[in-house]
Protein backbone atom coordinates (compact mmCIF):
# COMPACT_ATOMS: atom_id res chain seq x y z
CA MET A 1 139.34 101.93 116.11
CA SER A 2 142.26 104.37 117.20
CA ASP A 3 141.19 107.69 118.03
CA ARG A 4 143.76 109.42 116.12
CA PRO A 5 146.10 108.34 113.29
CA TRP A 6 149.74 107.32 115.01
CA HIS A 7 151.28 110.18 112.72
CA ARG A 8 149.06 112.71 114.05
CA SER A 9 150.08 111.71 117.74
CA LEU A 10 153.64 111.96 116.67
CA ILE A 11 153.09 115.07 115.39
CA LYS A 12 151.57 116.45 118.54
CA THR A 13 154.45 115.19 120.78
CA GLY A 14 156.82 116.74 118.53
CA THR A 15 155.45 119.97 118.37
CA ARG A 16 155.27 120.44 121.84
CA LEU A 17 159.09 119.60 122.32
CA LEU A 18 159.94 121.46 119.76
CA LEU A 19 158.10 124.59 120.04
CA GLY A 20 157.37 124.42 123.20
CA SER A 21 153.73 124.94 125.43
CA ALA A 22 153.08 128.64 124.17
CA ARG A 23 153.19 127.25 120.41
CA ALA A 24 152.14 123.51 120.88
CA HIS A 25 148.28 124.35 119.39
CA PHE A 26 150.38 125.25 116.04
CA GLN A 27 150.24 121.50 115.32
CA ASP A 28 146.75 121.67 115.28
CA ALA A 29 147.37 123.24 111.83
CA PHE A 30 150.37 121.22 110.37
CA PRO A 31 150.78 120.38 107.97
CA ARG A 32 150.23 123.38 105.76
CA LEU A 33 146.45 124.38 106.52
CA ALA A 34 146.31 128.22 106.55
CA ILE A 35 143.49 130.43 108.00
CA VAL A 36 142.57 133.78 106.66
CA ARG A 37 140.00 135.08 109.24
CA ALA A 38 136.23 136.02 108.56
CA SER A 39 134.75 139.18 110.37
CA VAL A 40 130.88 140.36 109.72
CA ASP A 41 132.53 142.59 107.03
CA ALA A 42 134.38 140.13 104.89
CA PRO A 43 134.99 136.37 104.54
CA GLY A 44 137.82 134.81 105.56
CA GLU A 45 139.49 131.20 103.61
CA VAL A 46 140.90 128.02 104.37
CA ARG A 47 144.02 126.63 102.20
CA TYR A 48 145.25 123.45 102.32
CA ARG A 49 149.01 123.10 100.79
CA ASP A 50 148.91 126.02 99.19
CA ALA A 51 145.58 125.80 97.22
CA ALA A 52 142.39 127.41 98.30
CA VAL A 53 140.09 124.82 99.72
CA ALA A 54 137.04 127.12 101.01
CA ALA A 55 135.61 130.25 102.60
CA LEU A 56 135.08 131.02 105.84
CA SER A 57 131.85 132.63 107.05
CA SER A 58 131.27 134.87 110.43
CA ALA A 59 129.15 133.60 112.97
CA SER A 60 126.82 136.34 111.81
CA ILE A 61 125.40 133.72 109.73
CA LEU A 62 124.20 131.91 112.39
CA ARG A 63 122.15 135.10 114.05
CA SER A 64 120.75 135.75 110.37
CA ARG A 65 119.57 131.94 110.13
CA SER A 66 118.33 131.49 113.90
CA GLY A 67 115.19 132.67 116.01
CA ASP A 68 113.82 132.85 119.59
CA THR A 69 115.30 129.60 120.54
CA VAL A 70 118.33 127.95 120.05
CA ALA A 71 118.97 124.44 120.71
CA ILE A 72 122.47 122.61 122.13
CA VAL A 73 122.18 119.11 121.43
CA GLY A 74 124.82 116.87 122.57
CA SER A 75 125.23 112.72 122.50
CA GLY A 76 124.60 111.73 125.93
CA PRO A 77 122.42 109.13 126.38
CA SER A 78 119.23 111.00 127.97
CA ILE A 79 118.88 112.27 124.32
CA ALA A 80 117.00 109.03 123.50
CA GLY A 81 114.57 110.45 125.84
CA ASN A 82 113.60 113.89 124.20
CA ASP A 83 111.45 114.08 121.14
CA LEU A 84 113.46 116.13 119.17
CA SER A 85 110.71 116.36 116.31
CA ARG A 86 109.13 119.00 117.98
CA LEU A 87 111.66 121.57 117.64
CA PRO A 88 111.25 124.24 114.99
CA PRO A 89 113.52 124.00 111.95
CA GLN A 90 116.85 125.57 112.00
CA THR A 91 116.57 125.54 115.71
CA ALA A 92 119.09 122.93 117.19
CA ILE A 93 123.13 123.19 116.65
CA LEU A 94 123.72 119.53 116.50
CA LEU A 95 127.25 118.71 118.33
CA ASN A 96 129.56 115.63 117.57
CA GLY A 97 127.49 112.16 117.40
CA ALA A 98 124.10 114.36 117.64
CA ILE A 99 125.10 115.13 114.04
CA SER A 100 123.45 111.35 113.27
CA LEU A 101 119.79 112.81 114.31
CA PHE A 102 119.93 115.38 111.15
CA GLY A 103 117.47 114.40 109.01
CA GLN A 104 115.10 112.45 111.24
CA PRO A 105 114.24 113.38 113.93
CA VAL A 106 115.70 116.84 113.88
CA ALA A 107 114.25 117.90 109.95
CA ASP A 108 116.81 121.01 109.21
CA ALA A 109 119.60 122.34 112.06
CA LEU A 110 120.76 125.64 112.99
CA SER A 111 124.48 124.18 112.22
CA VAL A 112 126.34 121.64 113.14
CA ALA A 113 129.35 121.57 115.71
CA VAL A 114 133.13 119.39 116.33
CA GLU A 115 136.27 121.03 117.39
CA ASP A 116 138.11 117.57 118.44
CA GLU A 117 139.77 116.16 115.51
CA ARG A 118 139.63 112.66 117.07
CA PHE A 119 135.51 112.96 116.20
CA ILE A 120 136.62 113.31 112.36
CA TRP A 121 138.98 110.00 112.45
CA ARG A 122 136.38 107.92 113.43
CA HIS A 123 132.82 109.11 112.23
CA PHE A 124 133.83 111.10 109.23
CA ASP A 125 131.39 109.51 107.17
CA LEU A 126 128.73 110.61 109.50
CA LEU A 127 129.27 113.81 108.33
CA LYS A 128 129.23 113.13 104.61
CA GLN A 129 126.23 111.48 105.19
CA ARG A 130 124.04 113.77 107.07
CA VAL A 131 124.78 117.57 106.61
CA LYS A 132 123.39 118.98 103.99
CA ASP A 133 125.61 121.53 101.59
CA ASP A 134 124.07 124.42 102.91
CA THR A 135 124.44 124.04 106.46
CA PRO A 136 126.69 126.15 108.35
CA CYS A 137 129.86 124.30 110.20
CA LEU A 138 131.35 125.05 113.32
CA PHE A 139 134.67 123.65 112.96
CA SER A 140 137.92 123.90 114.68
CA VAL A 141 141.52 124.26 113.07
CA GLU A 142 141.97 120.81 114.51
CA VAL A 143 138.82 119.96 112.52
CA LEU A 144 139.66 121.31 109.28
CA ARG A 145 143.27 120.03 108.88
CA ALA A 146 141.73 116.31 109.83
CA ILE A 147 139.17 116.69 106.79
CA CYS A 148 141.61 118.41 104.52
CA GLU A 149 143.80 114.76 104.97
CA ILE A 150 140.88 112.83 104.63
CA ASP A 151 138.77 114.72 101.76
CA LEU A 152 138.83 118.19 101.47
CA GLY A 153 136.40 118.21 98.88
CA PHE A 154 133.78 118.05 101.90
CA LEU A 155 134.49 121.61 102.56
CA ARG A 156 134.08 122.93 99.45
CA ASP A 157 131.40 125.65 98.53
CA ARG A 158 130.52 124.61 102.46
CA THR A 159 129.51 127.51 105.10
CA ILE A 160 132.42 127.26 107.33
CA VAL A 161 132.42 128.79 111.05
CA LEU A 162 135.65 128.63 112.62
CA ILE A 163 136.03 128.04 116.57
CA ASP A 164 139.26 129.44 117.04
CA ASP A 165 140.08 128.82 120.72
CA ILE A 166 140.64 132.39 122.49
CA ARG A 167 143.74 131.10 124.85
CA LYS A 168 145.29 129.28 121.46
CA PRO A 169 144.62 131.13 118.75
CA TYR A 170 145.41 130.24 115.07
CA GLY A 171 148.86 131.35 114.36
CA ALA A 172 149.97 133.24 117.49
CA ARG A 173 151.53 132.12 120.90
CA ARG A 174 149.24 131.03 123.95
CA ARG A 175 147.80 133.95 125.76
CA ARG A 176 148.73 134.86 128.88
CA TYR A 177 144.97 135.01 131.27
CA ASP A 178 145.81 138.76 131.63
CA THR A 179 146.01 139.72 128.13
CA ILE A 180 142.41 138.32 127.49
CA GLN A 181 140.98 139.64 130.61
CA ALA A 182 141.33 143.10 129.02
CA PHE A 183 139.70 142.12 126.04
CA ASP A 184 136.23 144.03 125.57
CA PHE A 185 133.97 141.38 124.69
CA ILE A 186 134.23 138.57 126.92
CA ARG A 187 133.86 137.67 130.46
CA ARG A 188 135.20 135.57 132.93
CA ASP A 189 135.22 134.70 136.25
CA ALA A 190 139.10 133.63 137.45
CA GLU A 191 138.00 131.97 140.67
CA VAL A 192 136.62 129.27 138.65
CA ASN A 193 138.43 129.69 135.34
CA ALA A 194 135.62 129.99 133.24
CA GLY A 195 134.55 132.60 130.50
CA LEU A 196 132.32 133.14 127.87
CA SER A 197 132.89 135.44 123.93
CA PHE A 198 130.30 137.71 122.85
CA ASP A 199 132.28 137.80 119.60
CA PRO A 200 133.12 134.46 118.52
CA ASP A 201 134.86 135.88 115.41
CA ARG A 202 137.78 136.57 117.67
CA GLY A 203 137.81 133.96 119.39
CA VAL A 204 136.21 131.26 122.30
CA PHE A 205 136.49 130.00 125.73
CA ARG A 206 137.07 126.15 124.92
CA GLY A 207 135.79 124.73 128.21
CA GLY A 208 136.17 121.19 127.90
CA SER A 209 133.02 120.46 125.35
CA VAL A 210 131.92 121.54 122.50
CA ALA A 211 129.01 122.21 124.54
CA VAL A 212 130.78 125.04 125.89
CA SER A 213 131.75 126.50 122.79
CA ALA A 214 128.56 126.12 121.20
CA LEU A 215 126.82 127.82 124.05
CA GLN A 216 128.82 131.25 123.42
CA PHE A 217 127.76 130.94 119.04
CA ALA A 218 124.07 130.31 120.72
CA LEU A 219 124.52 133.30 123.36
CA TYR A 220 125.65 135.50 120.56
CA CYS A 221 122.56 134.99 118.15
CA GLU A 222 120.59 136.62 121.13
CA PRO A 223 117.33 134.23 120.96
CA LYS A 224 114.84 134.35 123.99
CA THR A 225 115.52 130.43 124.95
CA ILE A 226 118.84 128.71 124.84
CA GLY A 227 117.47 124.68 125.84
CA LEU A 228 119.99 121.75 126.33
CA PHE A 229 119.21 118.44 125.27
CA GLY A 230 121.64 115.64 125.63
CA ILE A 231 124.25 117.73 127.58
CA ASP A 232 124.13 115.26 129.91
CA ILE A 233 128.42 115.45 131.54
CA SER A 234 127.84 113.21 134.52
CA ASN A 235 127.32 109.76 132.53
CA ALA A 236 129.67 111.04 130.30
CA ARG A 237 131.89 107.66 130.70
CA GLN A 238 128.89 105.52 128.98
CA PRO A 239 128.30 104.80 125.77
CA ARG A 240 126.78 107.79 123.91
CA PHE A 241 122.99 107.11 122.37
CA TYR A 242 124.43 106.44 118.90
CA GLU A 243 127.38 104.38 120.22
CA THR A 244 127.56 100.65 121.40
CA SER A 245 129.29 99.62 124.82
CA GLY A 246 131.86 97.62 122.79
CA GLU A 247 132.45 100.91 120.46
CA THR A 248 132.48 103.39 123.13
CA ALA A 249 135.18 106.48 122.24
CA SER A 250 137.44 107.88 125.08
CA SER A 251 135.94 111.14 126.48
CA GLY A 252 137.79 113.55 128.51
CA ILE A 253 134.03 115.06 129.58
CA ALA A 254 133.56 113.82 132.90
CA ASP A 255 136.92 114.36 134.05
CA ALA A 256 136.27 118.52 133.30
CA GLU A 257 132.77 117.90 134.49
CA ALA A 258 133.59 120.90 136.88
CA ARG A 259 135.20 122.80 134.32
CA ILE A 260 132.10 122.67 132.03
CA VAL A 261 129.27 122.79 134.47
CA ALA A 262 131.39 125.95 135.72
CA HIS A 263 130.86 128.14 131.91
CA PHE A 264 127.84 126.77 131.86
CA LEU A 265 126.73 128.69 135.38
CA LEU A 266 128.14 131.68 133.93
CA ALA A 267 126.58 131.87 130.65
CA ARG A 268 123.13 131.72 132.80
CA SER A 269 124.38 134.61 134.88
CA VAL A 270 124.75 136.75 131.80
CA ALA A 271 122.29 135.34 129.76
CA ALA A 272 120.01 136.52 132.56
CA GLU A 273 121.45 139.53 132.17
CA ARG A 274 120.42 139.48 128.84
CA GLY A 275 116.28 138.18 129.09
CA ILE A 276 117.88 135.15 127.90
CA GLU A 277 116.74 132.12 129.89
CA ILE A 278 118.55 128.53 129.66
CA VAL A 279 116.80 125.61 129.44
CA ASN A 280 118.38 121.94 130.80
CA TYR A 281 116.34 119.60 128.75
CA SER A 282 118.15 116.43 130.51
CA PRO A 283 117.08 114.37 133.63
CA VAL A 284 120.47 113.41 134.18
CA SER A 285 122.82 116.26 133.34
CA ALA A 286 125.21 117.36 135.96
CA LEU A 287 123.30 120.78 135.59
CA ALA A 288 120.60 119.65 136.89
CA GLY A 289 122.50 119.17 140.17
CA ALA A 290 123.85 122.73 139.71
CA GLY A 291 120.43 124.41 139.80
CA PHE A 292 119.19 124.54 136.33
CA GLY A 293 117.28 121.60 136.85
CA TYR A 294 115.17 119.63 134.24
CA ASP A 295 112.26 120.67 132.15
CA ASP A 296 110.21 117.79 130.65
CA ARG A 297 108.27 119.74 127.52
CA PHE A 298 110.26 117.28 125.00
CA SER A 299 109.54 114.03 127.32
CA PRO A 300 107.89 111.89 124.40
CA SER A 301 105.04 110.83 127.26
CA ARG A 302 104.24 114.73 127.53
CA PRO A 303 101.92 115.75 124.95
CA ALA A 304 103.14 117.83 122.49
């Protein structure tokens, strides 16, 4: 099964050729997706082909729902070695294929997050089957447009929060790093090309994995602990826990390992300043070798 329909590949290539690299990301909204950003003070809106599709909510909706712990749950193979039924309700941000855990063993999620449209083209039925109507959905511009192409009715009456790329923002040219560096709501380590946004409504740094974006939303919620499940990175070429060996979607995570780890290391430093602990629950994660260690408290072999 193709990751992306051929017409989207043509649009992506054509946009880059016609508009250049500074506006190549305009293809994410083509054709005729329009977005009015949300803020803490006012909701936004998603429109497709001139018709209102859904309201956009501020990231503050996550903060209001969250508690002392936020868990970022990826779809790495190691997820099978965790007993996620031990997570409190409205704790987990389920990424991509981890949405299949919604309902069982994750009774109720804090949110779901998808930023790569290829997941939508392959697994849209999974979203329709598992995501509750009242669960906040963190979606990128390209994901919103892909859903509108497939079934825009899915978005109606849902709580949608935009994942907007701070470097390639919706409706604007690609930003230079010196422009971003002047923002008062970011932290950036130029040596390793990693960054974090403390105001997701104004954009997040995309760092090679949706886990990096979710991490910035988690920091914004200001919990005491951020738990990492299935954020393996090092074994990204293996089938995800919900895939079989013959039906594995392509992934750029393995190639982006250094960049992903750099963002998590920066996040750990920032979190420590704010009294937030980041804990890795994957024994095979590249993060374990980067100084995060491994905590086995969610191992099925360990008493609850």
